[in-house]
């Protein structure tokens, strides 16, 4: 199954939700699923796309506010716009969604 995991923060940030995404995602990959993590890059300096532990990680440049999404910018719009860049997914998982 193709799974899209959405999180305002992911590797190289590490905290509660970042660890959760990583642990669940790597276990899904180990079971044969295709996992894409859609996240933000507040620095503009990280790779736009990379492989982390078998997961495809896509980063959208974003001047993040305290909750991870750009101040005054709808998280739903960000997810819709950025998700179009990801492969079609059979399942979308957003534990810290806006």
N, C-alpha and C. Protein backbone atom coordinates (compact mmCIF):
# COMPACT_ATOMS: atom_id res chain seq x y z
N UNK A 1 0.85 -1.18 0.00
CA UNK A 1 0.00 0.00 0.00
C UNK A 1 0.89 1.24 0.00
N UNK A 2 0.45 2.27 -0.69
CA UNK A 2 1.14 3.56 -0.67
C UNK A 2 0.57 4.39 0.47
N UNK A 3 1.44 4.85 1.34
CA UNK A 3 1.01 5.60 2.52
C UNK A 3 1.71 6.95 2.52
N UNK A 4 0.94 8.01 2.70
CA UNK A 4 1.47 9.37 2.81
C UNK A 4 1.33 9.80 4.26
N UNK A 5 2.44 10.08 4.91
CA UNK A 5 2.44 10.58 6.29
C UNK A 5 2.75 12.08 6.24
N UNK A 6 1.92 12.88 6.88
CA UNK A 6 2.06 14.34 6.84
C UNK A 6 2.39 14.84 8.23
N UNK A 7 3.47 15.61 8.32
CA UNK A 7 3.87 16.17 9.60
C UNK A 7 4.57 17.50 9.36
N UNK A 8 4.23 18.50 10.17
CA UNK A 8 4.89 19.80 10.03
C UNK A 8 6.39 19.70 10.25
N UNK A 9 6.82 18.77 11.07
CA UNK A 9 8.24 18.58 11.36
C UNK A 9 8.60 17.11 11.25
N UNK A 10 9.79 16.87 10.71
CA UNK A 10 10.35 15.53 10.64
C UNK A 10 11.87 15.68 10.59
N UNK A 11 12.56 14.59 10.49
CA UNK A 11 14.02 14.56 10.44
C UNK A 11 14.56 15.71 9.58
N UNK A 12 15.51 16.50 10.02
CA UNK A 12 16.40 16.28 11.14
C UNK A 12 15.88 16.75 12.50
N UNK A 13 14.69 17.37 12.55
CA UNK A 13 14.09 17.66 13.86
C UNK A 13 13.76 16.33 14.52
N UNK A 14 13.95 16.23 15.80
CA UNK A 14 13.55 15.01 16.51
C UNK A 14 12.87 15.41 17.81
N UNK A 15 11.65 14.99 17.94
CA UNK A 15 10.84 15.22 19.12
C UNK A 15 9.78 14.13 19.15
N UNK A 16 8.70 14.36 19.85
CA UNK A 16 7.67 13.34 20.01
C UNK A 16 7.03 12.92 18.70
N UNK A 17 6.47 13.87 17.95
CA UNK A 17 5.76 13.52 16.72
C UNK A 17 6.74 13.05 15.65
N UNK A 18 7.93 13.65 15.61
CA UNK A 18 8.95 13.25 14.64
C UNK A 18 9.39 11.81 14.87
N UNK A 19 9.58 11.45 16.13
CA UNK A 19 9.94 10.07 16.47
C UNK A 19 8.81 9.12 16.14
N UNK A 20 7.57 9.53 16.42
CA UNK A 20 6.41 8.70 16.11
C UNK A 20 6.33 8.41 14.60
N UNK A 21 6.44 9.46 13.79
CA UNK A 21 6.41 9.30 12.33
C UNK A 21 7.52 8.35 11.89
N UNK A 22 8.71 8.53 12.43
CA UNK A 22 9.84 7.69 12.04
C UNK A 22 9.62 6.22 12.44
N UNK A 23 9.19 6.00 13.65
CA UNK A 23 9.00 4.62 14.14
C UNK A 23 7.88 3.91 13.38
N UNK A 24 6.75 4.56 13.20
CA UNK A 24 5.63 3.94 12.48
C UNK A 24 6.01 3.75 11.01
N UNK A 25 6.61 4.76 10.41
CA UNK A 25 6.99 4.68 9.00
C UNK A 25 7.98 3.58 8.70
N UNK A 26 9.02 3.45 9.51
CA UNK A 26 10.01 2.40 9.25
C UNK A 26 9.41 1.01 9.45
N UNK A 27 8.48 0.87 10.37
CA UNK A 27 7.81 -0.43 10.55
C UNK A 27 6.91 -0.77 9.37
N UNK A 28 6.26 0.25 8.81
CA UNK A 28 5.43 0.02 7.63
C UNK A 28 6.30 -0.38 6.43
N UNK A 29 7.45 0.29 6.27
CA UNK A 29 8.38 -0.07 5.19
C UNK A 29 8.85 -1.51 5.36
N UNK A 30 9.16 -1.90 6.59
CA UNK A 30 9.61 -3.27 6.87
C UNK A 30 8.55 -4.30 6.50
N UNK A 31 7.28 -3.89 6.51
CA UNK A 31 6.18 -4.80 6.14
C UNK A 31 5.86 -4.74 4.65
N UNK A 32 6.66 -3.98 3.91
CA UNK A 32 6.51 -3.95 2.46
C UNK A 32 5.70 -2.81 1.89
N UNK A 33 5.31 -1.85 2.72
CA UNK A 33 4.53 -0.71 2.24
C UNK A 33 5.46 0.37 1.70
N UNK A 34 4.94 1.20 0.83
CA UNK A 34 5.67 2.34 0.28
C UNK A 34 5.23 3.58 1.08
N UNK A 35 6.19 4.21 1.77
CA UNK A 35 5.87 5.33 2.66
C UNK A 35 6.53 6.61 2.16
N UNK A 36 5.72 7.66 2.04
CA UNK A 36 6.21 9.00 1.74
C UNK A 36 5.89 9.89 2.93
N UNK A 37 6.87 10.64 3.40
CA UNK A 37 6.67 11.61 4.49
C UNK A 37 6.68 12.99 3.87
N UNK A 38 5.61 13.74 4.07
CA UNK A 38 5.49 15.10 3.57
C UNK A 38 5.66 16.04 4.76
N UNK A 39 6.67 16.91 4.69
CA UNK A 39 6.99 17.76 5.82
C UNK A 39 7.45 19.13 5.32
N UNK A 40 7.87 19.98 6.24
CA UNK A 40 8.31 21.34 5.88
C UNK A 40 9.81 21.49 6.07
N UNK A 41 10.35 22.54 5.45
CA UNK A 41 11.74 22.94 5.63
C UNK A 41 11.77 24.43 5.93
N UNK A 42 11.81 24.81 7.19
CA UNK A 42 11.80 26.23 7.52
C UNK A 42 13.11 26.93 7.17
N UNK A 43 14.18 26.16 6.94
CA UNK A 43 15.48 26.76 6.63
C UNK A 43 15.67 27.02 5.14
N UNK A 44 15.00 26.23 4.31
CA UNK A 44 15.21 26.33 2.87
C UNK A 44 16.51 25.69 2.42
N UNK A 45 17.23 25.03 3.36
CA UNK A 45 18.54 24.48 3.04
C UNK A 45 18.63 22.96 3.03
N UNK A 46 17.55 22.28 3.38
CA UNK A 46 17.58 20.82 3.40
C UNK A 46 17.17 20.27 2.05
N UNK A 47 17.49 19.01 1.77
CA UNK A 47 17.09 18.44 0.48
C UNK A 47 15.58 18.46 0.32
N UNK A 48 15.13 18.77 -0.89
CA UNK A 48 13.70 18.80 -1.19
C UNK A 48 13.15 17.38 -1.17
N UNK A 49 13.97 16.42 -1.56
CA UNK A 49 13.56 15.02 -1.56
C UNK A 49 14.76 14.17 -1.16
N UNK A 50 14.53 13.21 -0.27
CA UNK A 50 15.59 12.28 0.11
C UNK A 50 14.97 11.00 0.67
N UNK A 51 15.80 9.99 0.81
CA UNK A 51 15.40 8.73 1.40
C UNK A 51 15.90 8.71 2.84
N UNK A 52 15.01 8.46 3.78
CA UNK A 52 15.38 8.32 5.20
C UNK A 52 14.83 6.97 5.66
N UNK A 53 15.71 6.04 5.91
CA UNK A 53 15.33 4.72 6.41
C UNK A 53 14.29 4.03 5.52
N UNK A 54 14.44 4.17 4.21
CA UNK A 54 13.54 3.52 3.27
C UNK A 54 12.28 4.30 2.96
N UNK A 55 12.11 5.46 3.59
CA UNK A 55 10.94 6.30 3.33
C UNK A 55 11.34 7.46 2.43
N UNK A 56 10.46 7.79 1.49
CA UNK A 56 10.67 8.97 0.65
C UNK A 56 10.22 10.18 1.46
N UNK A 57 11.13 11.14 1.65
CA UNK A 57 10.81 12.35 2.41
C UNK A 57 10.77 13.52 1.45
N UNK A 58 9.62 14.21 1.40
CA UNK A 58 9.45 15.41 0.59
C UNK A 58 9.31 16.60 1.52
N UNK A 59 10.12 17.64 1.27
CA UNK A 59 10.07 18.84 2.11
C UNK A 59 9.60 20.02 1.28
N UNK A 60 8.63 20.72 1.83
CA UNK A 60 8.09 21.93 1.23
C UNK A 60 8.68 23.11 1.98
N UNK A 61 9.28 24.05 1.25
CA UNK A 61 9.82 25.24 1.90
C UNK A 61 8.69 25.97 2.59
N UNK A 62 8.94 26.37 3.83
CA UNK A 62 7.87 26.95 4.64
C UNK A 62 8.48 27.79 5.75
N UNK A 63 8.08 29.04 5.84
CA UNK A 63 8.47 29.88 6.97
C UNK A 63 7.51 29.55 8.10
N UNK A 64 7.87 28.58 8.91
CA UNK A 64 6.94 28.00 9.88
C UNK A 64 6.71 28.90 11.08
N UNK A 65 5.48 28.91 11.53
CA UNK A 65 5.10 29.56 12.78
C UNK A 65 5.26 28.56 13.91
N UNK A 66 4.77 28.87 15.10
CA UNK A 66 4.97 28.00 16.25
C UNK A 66 4.36 26.62 16.11
N UNK A 67 3.30 26.47 15.32
CA UNK A 67 2.69 25.15 15.17
C UNK A 67 3.25 24.41 13.96
N UNK A 68 4.24 24.99 13.29
CA UNK A 68 4.87 24.31 12.17
C UNK A 68 4.41 24.78 10.81
N UNK A 69 3.24 25.41 10.74
CA UNK A 69 2.76 25.89 9.46
C UNK A 69 2.86 27.41 9.43
N UNK A 70 3.05 27.94 8.26
CA UNK A 70 3.25 29.36 8.07
C UNK A 70 2.12 30.18 8.69
N UNK A 71 2.50 31.21 9.42
CA UNK A 71 1.50 32.09 10.03
C UNK A 71 0.64 32.71 8.94
N UNK A 72 -0.68 32.68 9.12
CA UNK A 72 -1.59 33.27 8.15
C UNK A 72 -1.78 32.42 6.91
N UNK A 73 -1.25 31.22 6.90
CA UNK A 73 -1.36 30.34 5.74
C UNK A 73 -2.03 29.06 6.18
N UNK A 74 -3.08 28.69 5.53
CA UNK A 74 -3.86 27.53 5.93
C UNK A 74 -3.08 26.24 5.77
N UNK A 75 -2.99 25.46 6.85
CA UNK A 75 -2.33 24.17 6.79
C UNK A 75 -3.00 23.25 5.80
N UNK A 76 -4.34 23.33 5.69
CA UNK A 76 -5.06 22.50 4.72
C UNK A 76 -4.62 22.81 3.30
N UNK A 77 -4.46 24.09 2.98
CA UNK A 77 -4.00 24.47 1.64
C UNK A 77 -2.58 23.96 1.40
N UNK A 78 -1.72 24.07 2.41
CA UNK A 78 -0.35 23.57 2.29
C UNK A 78 -0.36 22.08 2.00
N UNK A 79 -1.14 21.33 2.75
CA UNK A 79 -1.19 19.88 2.56
C UNK A 79 -1.71 19.55 1.17
N UNK A 80 -2.79 20.20 0.73
CA UNK A 80 -3.35 19.92 -0.59
C UNK A 80 -2.35 20.23 -1.70
N UNK A 81 -1.67 21.37 -1.61
CA UNK A 81 -0.72 21.76 -2.64
C UNK A 81 0.49 20.83 -2.64
N UNK A 82 1.02 20.57 -1.47
CA UNK A 82 2.21 19.74 -1.37
C UNK A 82 1.92 18.27 -1.66
N UNK A 83 0.75 17.79 -1.28
CA UNK A 83 0.41 16.38 -1.51
C UNK A 83 0.32 16.05 -2.99
N UNK A 84 0.00 17.04 -3.81
CA UNK A 84 -0.04 16.81 -5.26
C UNK A 84 1.34 16.43 -5.79
N UNK A 85 2.40 16.83 -5.08
CA UNK A 85 3.75 16.49 -5.49
C UNK A 85 4.10 15.05 -5.12
N UNK A 86 3.40 14.50 -4.16
CA UNK A 86 3.67 13.14 -3.71
C UNK A 86 2.94 12.14 -4.60
N UNK A 87 3.40 10.90 -4.56
CA UNK A 87 2.74 9.84 -5.32
C UNK A 87 1.31 9.68 -4.82
N UNK A 88 0.41 9.20 -5.67
CA UNK A 88 -0.94 8.91 -5.16
C UNK A 88 -0.84 7.94 -3.97
N UNK A 89 -1.60 8.21 -2.96
CA UNK A 89 -1.53 7.40 -1.75
C UNK A 89 -2.85 6.68 -1.52
N UNK A 90 -2.77 5.45 -1.02
CA UNK A 90 -3.96 4.72 -0.63
C UNK A 90 -4.42 5.09 0.76
N UNK A 91 -3.51 5.73 1.52
CA UNK A 91 -3.80 6.09 2.91
C UNK A 91 -3.03 7.36 3.23
N UNK A 92 -3.67 8.32 3.89
CA UNK A 92 -3.00 9.54 4.34
C UNK A 92 -3.09 9.55 5.86
N UNK A 93 -1.95 9.74 6.51
CA UNK A 93 -1.85 9.74 7.97
C UNK A 93 -1.24 11.05 8.40
N UNK A 94 -1.98 11.83 9.18
CA UNK A 94 -1.52 13.16 9.62
C UNK A 94 -1.75 13.30 11.12
N UNK A 95 -0.89 12.71 11.96
CA UNK A 95 -1.13 12.73 13.40
C UNK A 95 -1.07 14.12 14.03
N UNK A 96 -0.35 15.05 13.40
CA UNK A 96 -0.29 16.40 13.96
C UNK A 96 -0.88 17.41 12.99
N UNK A 97 -1.85 16.95 12.19
CA UNK A 97 -2.45 17.80 11.15
C UNK A 97 -3.09 19.04 11.71
N UNK A 98 -3.19 20.06 10.83
CA UNK A 98 -3.75 21.36 11.28
C UNK A 98 -5.22 21.27 11.57
